[in-house]
Amino acid sequence: GGSGRLTLSMPETVVAADGEISVRF
């Protein structure tokens, strides 16, 4: 979105919802 792309690296893949990624561990 906008002029760039943001790559978030995590321990595992998580699906985004409502414009955000939220995970508990």
mmCIF file of all heavy atoms, coordinates in Angstrom:
data_MODEL
# 
_entry.id   MODEL 
# 
loop_
_atom_site.group_PDB 
_atom_site.id 
_atom_site.type_symbol 
_atom_site.label_atom_id 
_atom_site.label_alt_id 
_atom_site.label_comp_id 
_atom_site.label_asym_id 
_atom_site.label_entity_id 
_atom_site.label_seq_id 
_atom_site.pdbx_PDB_ins_code 
_atom_site.Cartn_x 
_atom_site.Cartn_y 
_atom_site.Cartn_z 
_atom_site.occupancy 
_atom_site.B_iso_or_equiv 
_atom_site.pdbx_formal_charge 
_atom_site.auth_seq_id 
_atom_site.auth_comp_id 
_atom_site.auth_asym_id 
_atom_site.auth_atom_id 
_atom_site.pdbx_PDB_model_num 
ATOM 1   N N   . GLY A 1 1  ? 0.840   -1.192  0.000  1.00 0.00 ? 1  GLY A N   1 
ATOM 2   C CA  . GLY A 1 1  ? 0.000   0.000   0.000  1.00 0.00 ? 1  GLY A CA  1 
ATOM 3   C C   . GLY A 1 1  ? 0.872   1.237   0.000  1.00 0.00 ? 1  GLY A C   1 
ATOM 4   O O   . GLY A 1 1  ? 1.907   1.281   0.664  1.00 0.00 ? 1  GLY A O   1 
ATOM 5   N N   . GLY A 1 2  ? 0.484   2.239   -0.782 1.00 0.00 ? 2  GLY A N   1 
ATOM 6   C CA  . GLY A 1 2  ? 1.317   3.422   -0.899 1.00 0.00 ? 2  GLY A CA  1 
ATOM 7   C C   . GLY A 1 2  ? 2.516   3.149   -1.787 1.00 0.00 ? 2  GLY A C   1 
ATOM 8   O O   . GLY A 1 2  ? 2.452   2.369   -2.742 1.00 0.00 ? 2  GLY A O   1 
ATOM 9   N N   . SER A 1 3  ? 3.663   3.741   -1.439 1.00 0.00 ? 3  SER A N   1 
ATOM 10  C CA  . SER A 1 3  ? 4.832   3.690   -2.309 1.00 0.00 ? 3  SER A CA  1 
ATOM 11  C C   . SER A 1 3  ? 5.763   2.526   -2.009 1.00 0.00 ? 3  SER A C   1 
ATOM 12  O O   . SER A 1 3  ? 6.817   2.423   -2.633 1.00 0.00 ? 3  SER A O   1 
ATOM 13  C CB  . SER A 1 3  ? 5.627   4.999   -2.182 1.00 0.00 ? 3  SER A CB  1 
ATOM 14  O OG  . SER A 1 3  ? 6.087   5.160   -0.854 1.00 0.00 ? 3  SER A OG  1 
ATOM 15  N N   . GLY A 1 4  ? 5.410   1.671   -1.077 1.00 0.00 ? 4  GLY A N   1 
ATOM 16  C CA  . GLY A 1 4  ? 6.322   0.586   -0.726 1.00 0.00 ? 4  GLY A CA  1 
ATOM 17  C C   . GLY A 1 4  ? 5.598   -0.666  -0.271 1.00 0.00 ? 4  GLY A C   1 
ATOM 18  O O   . GLY A 1 4  ? 4.364   -0.703  -0.183 1.00 0.00 ? 4  GLY A O   1 
ATOM 19  N N   . ARG A 1 5  ? 6.413   -1.685  0.006  1.00 0.00 ? 5  ARG A N   1 
ATOM 20  C CA  . ARG A 1 5  ? 5.891   -2.942  0.545  1.00 0.00 ? 5  ARG A CA  1 
ATOM 21  C C   . ARG A 1 5  ? 6.668   -3.286  1.816  1.00 0.00 ? 5  ARG A C   1 
ATOM 22  O O   . ARG A 1 5  ? 7.875   -3.044  1.906  1.00 0.00 ? 5  ARG A O   1 
ATOM 23  C CB  . ARG A 1 5  ? 6.021   -4.063  -0.483 1.00 0.00 ? 5  ARG A CB  1 
ATOM 24  C CG  . ARG A 1 5  ? 5.138   -3.846  -1.698 1.00 0.00 ? 5  ARG A CG  1 
ATOM 25  C CD  . ARG A 1 5  ? 5.164   -5.040  -2.635 1.00 0.00 ? 5  ARG A CD  1 
ATOM 26  N NE  . ARG A 1 5  ? 6.461   -5.193  -3.293 1.00 0.00 ? 5  ARG A NE  1 
ATOM 27  C CZ  . ARG A 1 5  ? 6.719   -6.132  -4.206 1.00 0.00 ? 5  ARG A CZ  1 
ATOM 28  N NH1 . ARG A 1 5  ? 5.778   -7.004  -4.541 1.00 0.00 ? 5  ARG A NH1 1 
ATOM 29  N NH2 . ARG A 1 5  ? 7.908   -6.196  -4.779 1.00 0.00 ? 5  ARG A NH2 1 
ATOM 30  N N   . LEU A 1 6  ? 5.970   -3.855  2.763  1.00 0.00 ? 6  LEU A N   1 
ATOM 31  C CA  . LEU A 1 6  ? 6.553   -4.205  4.054  1.00 0.00 ? 6  LEU A CA  1 
ATOM 32  C C   . LEU A 1 6  ? 6.498   -5.712  4.220  1.00 0.00 ? 6  LEU A C   1 
ATOM 33  O O   . LEU A 1 6  ? 5.424   -6.320  4.141  1.00 0.00 ? 6  LEU A O   1 
ATOM 34  C CB  . LEU A 1 6  ? 5.770   -3.539  5.191  1.00 0.00 ? 6  LEU A CB  1 
ATOM 35  C CG  . LEU A 1 6  ? 5.746   -2.007  5.160  1.00 0.00 ? 6  LEU A CG  1 
ATOM 36  C CD1 . LEU A 1 6  ? 4.677   -1.480  6.111  1.00 0.00 ? 6  LEU A CD1 1 
ATOM 37  C CD2 . LEU A 1 6  ? 7.111   -1.445  5.525  1.00 0.00 ? 6  LEU A CD2 1 
ATOM 38  N N   . THR A 1 7  ? 7.665   -6.312  4.436  1.00 0.00 ? 7  THR A N   1 
ATOM 39  C CA  . THR A 1 7  ? 7.741   -7.755  4.660  1.00 0.00 ? 7  THR A CA  1 
ATOM 40  C C   . THR A 1 7  ? 7.977   -8.017  6.135  1.00 0.00 ? 7  THR A C   1 
ATOM 41  O O   . THR A 1 7  ? 9.001   -7.611  6.691  1.00 0.00 ? 7  THR A O   1 
ATOM 42  C CB  . THR A 1 7  ? 8.886   -8.381  3.836  1.00 0.00 ? 7  THR A CB  1 
ATOM 43  O OG1 . THR A 1 7  ? 8.659   -8.133  2.443  1.00 0.00 ? 7  THR A OG1 1 
ATOM 44  C CG2 . THR A 1 7  ? 8.957   -9.885  4.077  1.00 0.00 ? 7  THR A CG2 1 
ATOM 45  N N   . LEU A 1 8  ? 7.009   -8.677  6.759  1.00 0.00 ? 8  LEU A N   1 
ATOM 46  C CA  . LEU A 1 8  ? 7.125   -9.051  8.171  1.00 0.00 ? 8  LEU A CA  1 
ATOM 47  C C   . LEU A 1 8  ? 7.532   -10.512 8.255  1.00 0.00 ? 8  LEU A C   1 
ATOM 48  O O   . LEU A 1 8  ? 6.830   -11.390 7.750  1.00 0.00 ? 8  LEU A O   1 
ATOM 49  C CB  . LEU A 1 8  ? 5.795   -8.839  8.889  1.00 0.00 ? 8  LEU A CB  1 
ATOM 50  C CG  . LEU A 1 8  ? 5.752   -9.280  10.362 1.00 0.00 ? 8  LEU A CG  1 
ATOM 51  C CD1 . LEU A 1 8  ? 6.688   -8.423  11.207 1.00 0.00 ? 8  LEU A CD1 1 
ATOM 52  C CD2 . LEU A 1 8  ? 4.326   -9.229  10.907 1.00 0.00 ? 8  LEU A CD2 1 
ATOM 53  N N   . SER A 1 9  ? 8.676   -10.767 8.881  1.00 0.00 ? 9  SER A N   1 
ATOM 54  C CA  . SER A 1 9  ? 9.149   -12.133 9.090  1.00 0.00 ? 9  SER A CA  1 
ATOM 55  C C   . SER A 1 9  ? 8.745   -12.585 10.488 1.00 0.00 ? 9  SER A C   1 
ATOM 56  O O   . SER A 1 9  ? 8.946   -11.858 11.471 1.00 0.00 ? 9  SER A O   1 
ATOM 57  C CB  . SER A 1 9  ? 10.674  -12.203 8.949  1.00 0.00 ? 9  SER A CB  1 
ATOM 58  O OG  . SER A 1 9  ? 11.082  -11.737 7.679  1.00 0.00 ? 9  SER A OG  1 
ATOM 59  N N   . MET A 1 10 ? 8.187   -13.802 10.561 1.00 0.00 ? 10 MET A N   1 
ATOM 60  C CA  . MET A 1 10 ? 7.658   -14.329 11.814 1.00 0.00 ? 10 MET A CA  1 
ATOM 61  C C   . MET A 1 10 ? 8.039   -15.806 11.938 1.00 0.00 ? 10 MET A C   1 
ATOM 62  O O   . MET A 1 10 ? 8.463   -16.429 10.960 1.00 0.00 ? 10 MET A O   1 
ATOM 63  C CB  . MET A 1 10 ? 6.133   -14.195 11.838 1.00 0.00 ? 10 MET A CB  1 
ATOM 64  C CG  . MET A 1 10 ? 5.606   -12.787 11.692 1.00 0.00 ? 10 MET A CG  1 
ATOM 65  S SD  . MET A 1 10 ? 3.793   -12.747 11.704 1.00 0.00 ? 10 MET A SD  1 
ATOM 66  C CE  . MET A 1 10 ? 3.421   -13.452 10.094 1.00 0.00 ? 10 MET A CE  1 
ATOM 67  N N   . PRO A 1 11 ? 7.848   -16.390 13.132 1.00 0.00 ? 11 PRO A N   1 
ATOM 68  C CA  . PRO A 1 11 ? 8.135   -17.827 13.270 1.00 0.00 ? 11 PRO A CA  1 
ATOM 69  C C   . PRO A 1 11 ? 7.241   -18.701 12.402 1.00 0.00 ? 11 PRO A C   1 
ATOM 70  O O   . PRO A 1 11 ? 7.648   -19.767 11.960 1.00 0.00 ? 11 PRO A O   1 
ATOM 71  C CB  . PRO A 1 11 ? 7.889   -18.098 14.760 1.00 0.00 ? 11 PRO A CB  1 
ATOM 72  C CG  . PRO A 1 11 ? 8.060   -16.766 15.417 1.00 0.00 ? 11 PRO A CG  1 
ATOM 73  C CD  . PRO A 1 11 ? 7.561   -15.766 14.428 1.00 0.00 ? 11 PRO A CD  1 
ATOM 74  N N   . GLU A 1 12 ? 6.014   -18.241 12.158 1.00 0.00 ? 12 GLU A N   1 
ATOM 75  C CA  . GLU A 1 12 ? 5.099   -18.992 11.314 1.00 0.00 ? 12 GLU A CA  1 
ATOM 76  C C   . GLU A 1 12 ? 4.171   -18.012 10.599 1.00 0.00 ? 12 GLU A C   1 
ATOM 77  O O   . GLU A 1 12 ? 4.078   -16.842 10.967 1.00 0.00 ? 12 GLU A O   1 
ATOM 78  C CB  . GLU A 1 12 ? 4.263   -19.991 12.114 1.00 0.00 ? 12 GLU A CB  1 
ATOM 79  C CG  . GLU A 1 12 ? 3.385   -19.384 13.193 1.00 0.00 ? 12 GLU A CG  1 
ATOM 80  C CD  . GLU A 1 12 ? 4.121   -19.182 14.512 1.00 0.00 ? 12 GLU A CD  1 
ATOM 81  O OE1 . GLU A 1 12 ? 4.947   -20.047 14.868 1.00 0.00 ? 12 GLU A OE1 1 
ATOM 82  O OE2 . GLU A 1 12 ? 3.890   -18.146 15.154 1.00 0.00 ? 12 GLU A OE2 1 
ATOM 83  N N   . THR A 1 13 ? 3.499   -18.486 9.564  1.00 0.00 ? 13 THR A N   1 
ATOM 84  C CA  . THR A 1 13 ? 2.588   -17.639 8.803  1.00 0.00 ? 13 THR A CA  1 
ATOM 85  C C   . THR A 1 13 ? 1.303   -17.424 9.576  1.00 0.00 ? 13 THR A C   1 
ATOM 86  O O   . THR A 1 13 ? 0.740   -18.359 10.144 1.00 0.00 ? 13 THR A O   1 
ATOM 87  C CB  . THR A 1 13 ? 2.280   -18.271 7.436  1.00 0.00 ? 13 THR A CB  1 
ATOM 88  O OG1 . THR A 1 13 ? 3.513   -18.435 6.722  1.00 0.00 ? 13 THR A OG1 1 
ATOM 89  C CG2 . THR A 1 13 ? 1.340   -17.392 6.633  1.00 0.00 ? 13 THR A CG2 1 
ATOM 90  N N   . VAL A 1 14 ? 0.846   -16.176 9.609  1.00 0.00 ? 14 VAL A N   1 
ATOM 91  C CA  . VAL A 1 14 ? -0.404  -15.821 10.284 1.00 0.00 ? 14 VAL A CA  1 
ATOM 92  C C   . VAL A 1 14 ? -1.237  -15.003 9.312  1.00 0.00 ? 14 VAL A C   1 
ATOM 93  O O   . VAL A 1 14 ? -0.714  -14.128 8.615  1.00 0.00 ? 14 VAL A O   1 
ATOM 94  C CB  . VAL A 1 14 ? -0.140  -15.016 11.570 1.00 0.00 ? 14 VAL A CB  1 
ATOM 95  C CG1 . VAL A 1 14 ? -1.455  -14.619 12.221 1.00 0.00 ? 14 VAL A CG1 1 
ATOM 96  C CG2 . VAL A 1 14 ? 0.718   -15.814 12.544 1.00 0.00 ? 14 VAL A CG2 1 
ATOM 97  N N   . VAL A 1 15 ? -2.536  -15.264 9.252  1.00 0.00 ? 15 VAL A N   1 
ATOM 98  C CA  . VAL A 1 15 ? -3.433  -14.562 8.343  1.00 0.00 ? 15 VAL A CA  1 
ATOM 99  C C   . VAL A 1 15 ? -3.870  -13.243 8.978  1.00 0.00 ? 15 VAL A C   1 
ATOM 100 O O   . VAL A 1 15 ? -4.226  -13.191 10.159 1.00 0.00 ? 15 VAL A O   1 
ATOM 101 C CB  . VAL A 1 15 ? -4.664  -15.430 8.013  1.00 0.00 ? 15 VAL A CB  1 
ATOM 102 C CG1 . VAL A 1 15 ? -5.639  -14.660 7.113  1.00 0.00 ? 15 VAL A CG1 1 
ATOM 103 C CG2 . VAL A 1 15 ? -4.232  -16.725 7.332  1.00 0.00 ? 15 VAL A CG2 1 
ATOM 104 N N   . ALA A 1 16 ? -3.826  -12.182 8.190  1.00 0.00 ? 16 ALA A N   1 
ATOM 105 C CA  . ALA A 1 16 ? -4.250  -10.867 8.669  1.00 0.00 ? 16 ALA A CA  1 
ATOM 106 C C   . ALA A 1 16 ? -5.763  -10.768 8.675  1.00 0.00 ? 16 ALA A C   1 
ATOM 107 O O   . ALA A 1 16 ? -6.459  -11.432 7.886  1.00 0.00 ? 16 ALA A O   1 
ATOM 108 C CB  . ALA A 1 16 ? -3.661  -9.774  7.781  1.00 0.00 ? 16 ALA A CB  1 
ATOM 109 N N   . ALA A 1 17 ? -6.292  -9.933  9.553  1.00 0.00 ? 17 ALA A N   1 
ATOM 110 C CA  . ALA A 1 17 ? -7.731  -9.667  9.614  1.00 0.00 ? 17 ALA A CA  1 
ATOM 111 C C   . ALA A 1 17 ? -7.935  -8.242  10.096 1.00 0.00 ? 17 ALA A C   1 
ATOM 112 O O   . ALA A 1 17 ? -7.229  -7.763  10.992 1.00 0.00 ? 17 ALA A O   1 
ATOM 113 C CB  . ALA A 1 17 ? -8.416  -10.656 10.553 1.00 0.00 ? 17 ALA A CB  1 
ATOM 114 N N   . ASP A 1 18 ? -8.877  -7.552  9.471  1.00 0.00 ? 18 ASP A N   1 
ATOM 115 C CA  . ASP A 1 18 ? -9.227  -6.184  9.874  1.00 0.00 ? 18 ASP A CA  1 
ATOM 116 C C   . ASP A 1 18 ? -8.019  -5.248  9.854  1.00 0.00 ? 18 ASP A C   1 
ATOM 117 O O   . ASP A 1 18 ? -7.848  -4.399  10.737 1.00 0.00 ? 18 ASP A O   1 
ATOM 118 C CB  . ASP A 1 18 ? -9.869  -6.174  11.271 1.00 0.00 ? 18 ASP A CB  1 
ATOM 119 C CG  . ASP A 1 18 ? -11.154 -6.984  11.321 1.00 0.00 ? 18 ASP A CG  1 
ATOM 120 O OD1 . ASP A 1 18 ? -11.909 -6.952  10.328 1.00 0.00 ? 18 ASP A OD1 1 
ATOM 121 O OD2 . ASP A 1 18 ? -11.378 -7.660  12.343 1.00 0.00 ? 18 ASP A OD2 1 
ATOM 122 N N   . GLY A 1 19 ? -7.164  -5.412  8.855  1.00 0.00 ? 19 GLY A N   1 
ATOM 123 C CA  . GLY A 1 19 ? -6.049  -4.496  8.683  1.00 0.00 ? 19 GLY A CA  1 
ATOM 124 C C   . GLY A 1 19 ? -4.910  -4.684  9.647  1.00 0.00 ? 19 GLY A C   1 
ATOM 125 O O   . GLY A 1 19 ? -4.080  -3.781  9.799  1.00 0.00 ? 19 GLY A O   1 
ATOM 126 N N   . GLU A 1 20 ? -4.821  -5.849  10.287 1.00 0.00 ? 20 GLU A N   1 
ATOM 127 C CA  . GLU A 1 20 ? -3.717  -6.078  11.205 1.00 0.00 ? 20 GLU A CA  1 
ATOM 128 C C   . GLU A 1 20 ? -3.436  -7.565  11.333 1.00 0.00 ? 20 GLU A C   1 
ATOM 129 O O   . GLU A 1 20 ? -4.250  -8.413  10.929 1.00 0.00 ? 20 GLU A O   1 
ATOM 130 C CB  . GLU A 1 20 ? -4.007  -5.491  12.590 1.00 0.00 ? 20 GLU A CB  1 
ATOM 131 C CG  . GLU A 1 20 ? -5.118  -6.204  13.337 1.00 0.00 ? 20 GLU A CG  1 
ATOM 132 C CD  . GLU A 1 20 ? -5.322  -5.645  14.739 1.00 0.00 ? 20 GLU A CD  1 
ATOM 133 O OE1 . GLU A 1 20 ? -5.285  -4.405  14.906 1.00 0.00 ? 20 GLU A OE1 1 
ATOM 134 O OE2 . GLU A 1 20 ? -5.545  -6.457  15.665 1.00 0.00 ? 20 GLU A OE2 1 
ATOM 135 N N   . ILE A 1 21 ? -2.284  -7.887  11.879 1.00 0.00 ? 21 ILE A N   1 
ATOM 136 C CA  . ILE A 1 21 ? -1.926  -9.260  12.229 1.00 0.00 ? 21 ILE A CA  1 
ATOM 137 C C   . ILE A 1 21 ? -1.784  -9.319  13.744 1.00 0.00 ? 21 ILE A C   1 
ATOM 138 O O   . ILE A 1 21 ? -1.088  -8.494  14.342 1.00 0.00 ? 21 ILE A O   1 
ATOM 139 C CB  . ILE A 1 21 ? -0.611  -9.691  11.560 1.00 0.00 ? 21 ILE A CB  1 
ATOM 140 C CG1 . ILE A 1 21 ? -0.808  -9.823  10.052 1.00 0.00 ? 21 ILE A CG1 1 
ATOM 141 C CG2 . ILE A 1 21 ? -0.102  -11.000 12.140 1.00 0.00 ? 21 ILE A CG2 1 
ATOM 142 C CD1 . ILE A 1 21 ? 0.469   -10.128 9.298  1.00 0.00 ? 21 ILE A CD1 1 
ATOM 143 N N   . SER A 1 22 ? -2.469  -10.272 14.349 1.00 0.00 ? 22 SER A N   1 
ATOM 144 C CA  . SER A 1 22 ? -2.398  -10.429 15.791 1.00 0.00 ? 22 SER A CA  1 
ATOM 145 C C   . SER A 1 22 ? -2.237  -11.904 16.110 1.00 0.00 ? 22 SER A C   1 
ATOM 146 O O   . SER A 1 22 ? -2.971  -12.750 15.564 1.00 0.00 ? 22 SER A O   1 
ATOM 147 C CB  . SER A 1 22 ? -3.649  -9.859  16.471 1.00 0.00 ? 22 SER A CB  1 
ATOM 148 O OG  . SER A 1 22 ? -3.533  -9.918  17.881 1.00 0.00 ? 22 SER A OG  1 
ATOM 149 N N   . VAL A 1 23 ? -1.281  -12.221 16.970 1.00 0.00 ? 23 VAL A N   1 
ATOM 150 C CA  . VAL A 1 23 ? -1.024  -13.620 17.303 1.00 0.00 ? 23 VAL A CA  1 
ATOM 151 C C   . VAL A 1 23 ? -0.574  -13.709 18.751 1.00 0.00 ? 23 VAL A C   1 
ATOM 152 O O   . VAL A 1 23 ? 0.117   -12.819 19.266 1.00 0.00 ? 23 VAL A O   1 
ATOM 153 C CB  . VAL A 1 23 ? 0.045   -14.226 16.359 1.00 0.00 ? 23 VAL A CB  1 
ATOM 154 C CG1 . VAL A 1 23 ? 1.357   -13.485 16.455 1.00 0.00 ? 23 VAL A CG1 1 
ATOM 155 C CG2 . VAL A 1 23 ? 0.243   -15.699 16.633 1.00 0.00 ? 23 VAL A CG2 1 
ATOM 156 N N   . ARG A 1 24 ? -0.991  -14.799 19.418 1.00 0.00 ? 24 ARG A N   1 
ATOM 157 C CA  . ARG A 1 24 ? -0.541  -15.081 20.786 1.00 0.00 ? 24 ARG A CA  1 
ATOM 158 C C   . ARG A 1 24 ? 0.264   -16.372 20.791 1.00 0.00 ? 24 ARG A C   1 
ATOM 159 O O   . ARG A 1 24 ? -0.037  -17.307 20.042 1.00 0.00 ? 24 ARG A O   1 
ATOM 160 C CB  . ARG A 1 24 ? -1.725  -15.209 21.737 1.00 0.00 ? 24 ARG A CB  1 
ATOM 161 C CG  . ARG A 1 24 ? -2.461  -13.914 22.006 1.00 0.00 ? 24 ARG A CG  1 
ATOM 162 C CD  . ARG A 1 24 ? -3.478  -14.079 23.112 1.00 0.00 ? 24 ARG A CD  1 
ATOM 163 N NE  . ARG A 1 24 ? -4.115  -12.820 23.437 1.00 0.00 ? 24 ARG A NE  1 
ATOM 164 C CZ  . ARG A 1 24 ? -4.864  -12.617 24.517 1.00 0.00 ? 24 ARG A CZ  1 
ATOM 165 N NH1 . ARG A 1 24 ? -5.070  -13.617 25.386 1.00 0.00 ? 24 ARG A NH1 1 
ATOM 166 N NH2 . ARG A 1 24 ? -5.405  -11.436 24.754 1.00 0.00 ? 24 ARG A NH2 1 
ATOM 167 N N   . PHE A 1 25 ? 1.274   -16.409 21.652 1.00 0.00 ? 25 PHE A N   1 
ATOM 168 C CA  . PHE A 1 25 ? 2.073   -17.622 21.780 1.00 0.00 ? 25 PHE A CA  1 
ATOM 169 C C   . PHE A 1 25 ? 2.614   -17.701 23.206 1.00 0.00 ? 25 PHE A C   1 
ATOM 170 O O   . PHE A 1 25 ? 2.759   -16.672 23.893 1.00 0.00 ? 25 PHE A O   1 
ATOM 171 C CB  . PHE A 1 25 ? 3.216   -17.645 20.755 1.00 0.00 ? 25 PHE A CB  1 
ATOM 172 C CG  . PHE A 1 25 ? 4.055   -16.400 20.718 1.00 0.00 ? 25 PHE A CG  1 
ATOM 173 C CD1 . PHE A 1 25 ? 5.194   -16.281 21.511 1.00 0.00 ? 25 PHE A CD1 1 
ATOM 174 C CD2 . PHE A 1 25 ? 3.718   -15.332 19.884 1.00 0.00 ? 25 PHE A CD2 1 
ATOM 175 C CE1 . PHE A 1 25 ? 5.964   -15.141 21.470 1.00 0.00 ? 25 PHE A CE1 1 
ATOM 176 C CE2 . PHE A 1 25 ? 4.495   -14.175 19.848 1.00 0.00 ? 25 PHE A CE2 1 
ATOM 177 C CZ  . PHE A 1 25 ? 5.618   -14.083 20.643 1.00 0.00 ? 25 PHE A CZ  1 
# 
